Amino acid sequence: MPQTFIDLKPRLDEPEVQHVLSLSMFNPSPENIARAVERCLGEEKRELWGVMDGGRILGAVQYYIRDDNVLYIASISVIEARRGQGIGRAMLDALKEQYSLPMELETDDDAVDFYRKCGFDAIAFEKTYGEDAVRRWKCTSPT
């Protein structure tokens, strides 16, 4: 099981950190990764924490606390080789313990069951990207 939960924001220039961040992206092109890094660095309230084991980053969660005292999860990812081992849940549990705030996020069909297993409620909605409409999920945790 992971050993350490650390602040990754000061390490956003490292390829390993950018790779883990890119795992939660729909289109992880170099340009989109650069935009995500800029957004994280440019928004003071935005945090990026990761799980480390033996010096290797296993997963990362990007989040911020909104003005309505809801912890909004912007992204969460776990390296491919360690998925299904409780790392994502451990990151969510660490945030719950540290902040004791309700959590909210938006996700897709591929990840909604993970959040349901972690106790989140999920409501489907349609979102438009250009001319394409896709199903998305608003997930909220009980307080």
Protein backbone atom coordinates (compact mmCIF):
# COMPACT_ATOMS: atom_id res chain seq x y z
CA MET A 1 0.00 0.00 0.00
CA PRO A 2 1.19 3.57 -0.67
CA GLN A 3 3.39 5.12 1.94
CA THR A 4 3.26 8.89 1.46
CA PHE A 5 0.76 11.57 0.38
CA ILE A 6 2.78 14.58 -0.83
CA ASP A 7 2.35 17.96 -2.49
CA LEU A 8 3.17 17.57 -6.20
CA LYS A 9 2.47 21.16 -7.25
CA PRO A 10 6.12 22.25 -6.81
CA ARG A 11 7.14 19.31 -9.01
CA LEU A 12 4.87 20.05 -11.99
CA ASP A 13 7.89 20.53 -14.24
CA GLU A 14 8.85 16.85 -13.81
CA PRO A 15 7.86 14.46 -16.63
CA GLU A 16 6.68 11.79 -14.13
CA VAL A 17 4.27 14.23 -12.48
CA GLN A 18 2.98 15.42 -15.85
CA HIS A 19 2.50 11.82 -16.96
CA VAL A 20 0.39 10.93 -13.92
CA LEU A 21 -1.62 14.14 -14.36
CA SER A 22 -2.20 13.26 -18.05
CA LEU A 23 -3.76 9.89 -17.15
CA SER A 24 -7.01 11.61 -16.20
CA MET A 25 -7.21 13.62 -19.43
CA PHE A 26 -9.48 12.84 -22.38
CA ASN A 27 -6.87 14.09 -24.85
CA PRO A 28 -3.42 14.13 -23.22
CA SER A 29 -1.66 15.96 -26.03
CA PRO A 30 1.47 17.93 -25.11
CA GLU A 31 -0.54 21.15 -25.53
CA ASN A 32 -3.32 19.96 -23.20
CA ILE A 33 -0.82 18.76 -20.60
CA ALA A 34 0.91 22.16 -20.76
CA ARG A 35 -2.47 23.90 -20.27
CA ALA A 36 -3.27 21.69 -17.27
CA VAL A 37 0.13 22.49 -15.73
CA GLU A 38 -0.39 26.23 -16.32
CA ARG A 39 -3.88 26.09 -14.79
CA CYS A 40 -2.62 24.26 -11.72
CA LEU A 41 0.28 26.67 -11.24
CA GLY A 42 -1.81 29.74 -12.04
CA GLU A 43 -4.65 29.10 -9.62
CA GLU A 44 -3.49 29.58 -6.04
CA LYS A 45 -6.43 27.59 -4.59
CA ARG A 46 -5.75 24.57 -6.81
CA GLU A 47 -3.80 21.76 -5.15
CA LEU A 48 -2.08 18.70 -6.61
CA TRP A 49 -1.24 15.89 -4.22
CA GLY A 50 0.12 12.48 -5.01
CA VAL A 51 0.70 9.07 -3.52
CA MET A 52 4.32 7.92 -3.46
CA ASP A 53 5.78 4.50 -2.79
CA GLY A 54 9.51 3.89 -2.90
CA GLY A 55 10.11 7.21 -4.66
CA ARG A 56 7.61 6.46 -7.44
CA ILE A 57 4.41 8.41 -7.98
CA LEU A 58 1.47 6.01 -8.02
CA GLY A 59 -1.39 8.48 -8.34
CA ALA A 60 -2.41 12.11 -8.12
CA VAL A 61 -5.46 14.16 -7.23
CA GLN A 62 -6.01 17.76 -8.30
CA TYR A 63 -8.59 19.70 -6.31
CA TYR A 64 -9.65 23.04 -4.87
CA ILE A 65 -12.10 24.26 -2.28
CA ARG A 66 -14.89 26.32 -3.80
CA ASP A 67 -16.35 29.41 -2.16
CA ASP A 68 -19.37 27.32 -1.06
CA ASN A 69 -17.05 25.09 1.04
CA VAL A 70 -17.24 22.13 -1.31
CA LEU A 71 -14.03 20.31 -2.20
CA TYR A 72 -14.08 20.04 -5.99
CA ILE A 73 -12.00 17.25 -7.48
CA ALA A 74 -10.69 18.46 -10.83
CA SER A 75 -8.89 15.20 -11.63
CA ILE A 76 -7.73 11.97 -10.08
CA SER A 77 -5.49 9.35 -11.64
CA VAL A 78 -3.55 6.21 -10.79
CA ILE A 79 -0.79 4.68 -12.90
CA GLU A 80 -1.97 1.80 -15.03
CA ALA A 81 0.02 -0.91 -13.22
CA ARG A 82 -1.48 -0.02 -9.83
CA ARG A 83 -5.15 0.48 -10.67
CA GLY A 84 -7.66 -1.52 -8.68
CA GLN A 85 -5.42 -1.64 -5.60
CA GLY A 86 -7.17 1.00 -3.48
CA ILE A 87 -4.92 3.96 -4.31
CA GLY A 88 -7.70 6.17 -5.71
CA ARG A 89 -9.92 5.40 -2.72
CA ALA A 90 -6.99 6.13 -0.35
CA MET A 91 -6.56 9.57 -1.94
CA LEU A 92 -10.28 10.32 -1.54
CA ASP A 93 -10.21 9.09 2.07
CA ALA A 94 -7.19 11.29 2.83
CA LEU A 95 -9.04 14.34 1.47
CA LYS A 96 -12.16 13.47 3.49
CA GLU A 97 -10.09 13.13 6.64
CA GLN A 98 -8.10 16.32 6.08
CA TYR A 99 -10.98 18.61 5.10
CA SER A 100 -14.27 17.09 6.37
CA LEU A 101 -16.10 18.79 3.50
CA PRO A 102 -18.57 17.47 0.94
CA MET A 103 -16.88 16.60 -2.34
CA GLU A 104 -18.04 17.05 -5.89
CA LEU A 105 -16.68 16.20 -9.32
CA GLU A 106 -17.64 15.58 -12.91
CA THR A 107 -16.72 12.34 -14.65
CA ASP A 108 -17.48 10.08 -17.57
CA ASP A 109 -19.03 6.64 -18.03
CA ASP A 110 -15.65 4.93 -17.57
CA ALA A 111 -15.09 6.23 -14.03
CA VAL A 112 -18.56 6.71 -12.55
CA ASP A 113 -18.67 3.23 -10.98
CA PHE A 114 -15.42 3.92 -9.10
CA TYR A 115 -17.01 6.95 -7.44
CA ARG A 116 -20.21 5.04 -6.68
CA LYS A 117 -18.13 2.35 -4.93
CA CYS A 118 -16.52 5.14 -2.90
CA GLY A 119 -19.94 6.32 -1.67
CA PHE A 120 -20.64 9.13 -4.14
CA ASP A 121 -24.08 9.76 -5.61
CA ALA A 122 -24.06 10.15 -9.39
CA ILE A 123 -26.48 12.05 -11.60
CA ALA A 124 -26.19 11.90 -15.39
CA PHE A 125 -26.35 15.02 -17.53
CA GLU A 126 -25.55 15.98 -21.09
CA LYS A 127 -22.62 18.24 -21.92
CA THR A 128 -21.82 19.72 -25.30
CA TYR A 129 -18.29 19.87 -26.71
CA GLY A 130 -18.43 21.78 -29.97
CA GLU A 131 -21.16 19.98 -31.92
CA ASP A 132 -20.94 16.76 -29.90
CA ALA A 133 -23.14 16.02 -26.89
CA VAL A 134 -21.82 13.47 -24.40
CA ARG A 135 -23.12 11.96 -21.21
CA ARG A 136 -21.29 13.13 -18.10
CA TRP A 137 -21.86 12.43 -14.42
CA LYS A 138 -22.01 14.88 -11.53
CA CYS A 139 -20.83 12.97 -8.48
CA THR A 140 -21.30 14.22 -4.92
CA SER A 141 -20.27 12.76 -1.63
CA PRO A 142 -22.42 12.92 1.47
CA THR A 143 -21.11 15.34 4.08
